[in-house]
N, C-alpha and C. Protein backbone atom coordinates (compact mmCIF):
# COMPACT_ATOMS: atom_id res chain seq x y z
N UNK A 1 0.86 -1.14 -0.06
CA UNK A 1 0.01 -0.04 0.06
C UNK A 1 0.92 1.26 -0.03
N UNK A 2 0.47 2.27 -0.85
CA UNK A 2 1.27 3.49 -0.89
C UNK A 2 0.54 4.62 -0.31
N UNK A 3 1.23 5.38 0.58
CA UNK A 3 0.53 6.50 1.23
C UNK A 3 0.59 7.67 0.28
N UNK A 4 -0.50 8.45 0.37
CA UNK A 4 -0.60 9.69 -0.45
C UNK A 4 -0.25 10.80 0.35
N UNK A 5 0.59 11.53 -0.14
CA UNK A 5 1.06 12.84 0.55
C UNK A 5 0.23 13.96 0.41
N UNK A 6 -0.43 14.00 -0.77
CA UNK A 6 -1.38 15.10 -1.08
C UNK A 6 -2.82 14.74 -0.62
N UNK A 7 -3.46 15.54 0.26
CA UNK A 7 -4.87 15.13 0.61
C UNK A 7 -5.87 15.37 -0.49
N UNK A 8 -6.88 14.60 -0.46
CA UNK A 8 -7.89 14.71 -1.50
C UNK A 8 -8.72 15.93 -1.29
N UNK A 9 -8.90 16.77 -2.20
CA UNK A 9 -9.66 18.00 -2.13
C UNK A 9 -11.13 17.70 -2.27
N UNK A 10 -12.10 18.39 -1.59
CA UNK A 10 -13.46 18.17 -1.71
C UNK A 10 -13.86 18.64 -3.13
N UNK A 11 -14.92 17.94 -3.67
CA UNK A 11 -15.45 18.24 -4.99
C UNK A 11 -16.62 19.31 -4.77
N UNK A 12 -17.26 19.64 -5.94
CA UNK A 12 -18.29 20.67 -5.89
C UNK A 12 -19.45 20.16 -5.04
N UNK A 13 -19.85 18.91 -5.17
CA UNK A 13 -21.02 18.37 -4.30
C UNK A 13 -20.67 18.47 -2.92
N UNK A 14 -19.44 18.22 -2.45
CA UNK A 14 -19.20 18.24 -1.10
C UNK A 14 -19.23 19.71 -0.50
N UNK A 15 -18.75 20.59 -1.42
CA UNK A 15 -18.87 21.98 -1.05
C UNK A 15 -20.28 22.52 -0.89
N UNK A 16 -21.16 22.10 -1.82
CA UNK A 16 -22.54 22.48 -1.74
C UNK A 16 -23.25 21.96 -0.42
N UNK A 17 -22.95 20.74 -0.11
CA UNK A 17 -23.49 20.17 1.06
C UNK A 17 -23.08 20.89 2.34
N UNK A 18 -21.66 21.22 2.35
CA UNK A 18 -21.08 22.02 3.50
C UNK A 18 -21.74 23.37 3.53
N UNK A 19 -21.97 23.99 2.42
CA UNK A 19 -22.63 25.32 2.37
C UNK A 19 -24.04 25.35 2.90
N UNK A 20 -24.66 24.29 2.54
CA UNK A 20 -26.03 24.08 3.07
C UNK A 20 -26.10 23.97 4.53
N UNK A 21 -25.14 23.17 5.15
CA UNK A 21 -25.09 23.08 6.52
C UNK A 21 -24.69 24.47 7.24
N UNK A 22 -23.84 25.18 6.58
CA UNK A 22 -23.35 26.52 7.15
C UNK A 22 -24.61 27.39 7.07
N UNK A 23 -25.37 27.39 5.99
CA UNK A 23 -26.49 28.23 5.90
C UNK A 23 -27.57 27.92 6.93
N UNK A 24 -27.80 26.63 7.18
CA UNK A 24 -28.72 26.12 8.30
C UNK A 24 -28.37 26.63 9.55
N UNK A 25 -27.09 26.65 9.83
CA UNK A 25 -26.39 27.07 11.13
C UNK A 25 -26.61 28.59 11.27
N UNK A 26 -26.46 29.21 10.20
CA UNK A 26 -26.51 30.67 10.31
C UNK A 26 -27.97 31.18 10.57
N UNK A 27 -28.97 30.41 9.89
CA UNK A 27 -30.32 30.74 10.07
C UNK A 27 -30.77 30.38 11.54
N UNK A 28 -30.26 29.29 12.11
CA UNK A 28 -30.56 28.88 13.42
C UNK A 28 -30.13 29.88 14.41
N UNK A 29 -28.81 30.37 14.21
CA UNK A 29 -28.25 31.43 15.08
C UNK A 29 -28.98 32.66 14.99
N UNK A 30 -29.45 33.07 13.80
CA UNK A 30 -30.19 34.29 13.58
C UNK A 30 -31.48 34.33 14.27
N UNK A 31 -32.22 33.24 14.22
CA UNK A 31 -33.47 32.96 14.91
C UNK A 31 -33.18 32.97 16.44
N UNK A 32 -32.14 32.36 16.83
CA UNK A 32 -31.82 32.27 18.27
C UNK A 32 -31.43 33.65 18.87
N UNK A 33 -30.86 34.54 18.05
CA UNK A 33 -30.60 35.88 18.52
C UNK A 33 -31.95 36.69 18.67
N UNK A 34 -32.79 36.48 17.71
CA UNK A 34 -34.13 37.21 17.68
C UNK A 34 -34.94 36.66 18.81
N UNK A 35 -35.05 35.33 19.04
CA UNK A 35 -35.93 34.68 19.96
C UNK A 35 -35.07 33.73 20.74
N UNK A 36 -34.64 34.15 21.93
CA UNK A 36 -33.65 33.31 22.74
C UNK A 36 -34.30 32.08 23.20
N UNK A 37 -35.52 32.00 23.40
CA UNK A 37 -36.30 30.80 23.81
C UNK A 37 -36.13 29.73 22.75
N UNK A 38 -36.09 30.10 21.53
CA UNK A 38 -35.98 29.19 20.46
C UNK A 38 -34.70 28.43 20.52
N UNK A 39 -33.59 29.10 20.75
CA UNK A 39 -32.28 28.48 20.76
C UNK A 39 -32.12 27.62 22.03
N UNK A 40 -32.71 28.02 23.08
CA UNK A 40 -32.50 27.15 24.37
C UNK A 40 -33.37 26.09 24.47
N UNK A 41 -34.36 25.88 23.62
CA UNK A 41 -35.23 24.71 23.65
C UNK A 41 -34.60 23.53 22.91
N UNK A 42 -34.42 22.42 23.71
CA UNK A 42 -33.89 21.11 23.09
C UNK A 42 -34.77 20.67 22.05
N UNK A 43 -36.09 20.63 22.25
CA UNK A 43 -37.07 20.00 21.32
C UNK A 43 -37.11 20.77 20.04
N UNK A 44 -37.17 22.14 20.20
CA UNK A 44 -37.26 23.01 19.00
C UNK A 44 -36.00 22.85 18.23
N UNK A 45 -34.77 22.74 18.88
CA UNK A 45 -33.62 22.54 18.03
C UNK A 45 -33.56 21.27 17.44
N UNK A 46 -34.00 20.15 18.05
CA UNK A 46 -34.03 18.92 17.44
C UNK A 46 -35.03 18.89 16.17
N UNK A 47 -36.13 19.50 16.40
CA UNK A 47 -37.07 19.66 15.24
C UNK A 47 -36.43 20.43 14.07
N UNK A 48 -35.75 21.50 14.43
CA UNK A 48 -35.14 22.23 13.33
C UNK A 48 -34.06 21.46 12.63
N UNK A 49 -33.20 20.71 13.37
CA UNK A 49 -32.28 19.79 12.65
C UNK A 49 -33.01 18.80 11.82
N UNK A 50 -34.03 18.25 12.25
CA UNK A 50 -34.83 17.20 11.47
C UNK A 50 -35.37 17.78 10.18
N UNK A 51 -35.85 19.02 10.29
CA UNK A 51 -36.36 19.70 9.14
C UNK A 51 -35.30 20.14 8.18
N UNK A 52 -34.25 20.74 8.62
CA UNK A 52 -33.24 21.24 7.86
C UNK A 52 -32.21 20.23 7.27
N UNK A 53 -31.92 19.25 8.13
CA UNK A 53 -30.88 18.30 7.74
C UNK A 53 -31.44 17.06 7.00
N UNK A 54 -32.73 16.80 7.10
CA UNK A 54 -33.28 15.64 6.60
C UNK A 54 -34.46 15.89 5.59
N UNK A 55 -35.49 16.75 6.00
CA UNK A 55 -36.58 16.84 5.17
C UNK A 55 -36.36 17.77 3.98
N UNK A 56 -35.69 18.97 4.22
CA UNK A 56 -35.42 19.87 3.11
C UNK A 56 -34.53 19.18 2.02
N UNK A 57 -33.37 18.51 2.33
CA UNK A 57 -32.59 17.93 1.31
C UNK A 57 -33.39 16.83 0.61
N UNK A 58 -34.34 16.04 1.37
CA UNK A 58 -35.03 15.07 0.69
C UNK A 58 -36.03 15.67 -0.43
N UNK A 59 -36.62 16.74 0.01
CA UNK A 59 -37.50 17.55 -0.99
C UNK A 59 -36.68 18.01 -2.17
N UNK A 60 -35.56 18.61 -1.92
CA UNK A 60 -34.74 19.13 -3.01
C UNK A 60 -34.27 17.93 -3.92
N UNK A 61 -33.88 16.78 -3.38
CA UNK A 61 -33.51 15.70 -4.25
C UNK A 61 -34.64 15.26 -5.01
N UNK A 62 -35.77 15.17 -4.49
CA UNK A 62 -37.04 14.75 -5.23
C UNK A 62 -37.40 15.72 -6.42
N UNK A 63 -37.15 16.96 -6.12
CA UNK A 63 -37.51 17.96 -7.12
C UNK A 63 -36.42 17.99 -8.17
N UNK A 64 -35.15 17.64 -7.90
CA UNK A 64 -34.04 17.77 -8.91
C UNK A 64 -34.01 16.58 -9.81
């Protein structure tokens, strides 16, 4: 086995996924700044992650 000295760079799809997660985090933080109770609620945060990390990408994949 030969070791690679140069790390593999992310492709366009990887960067789009990463950008989506960054956007979701920014929206969550913005809502949390406006409504502090939103950010501090475990169940609301869990629901937000379910919506943004699972349902929205599923809908986008179905439409594309």
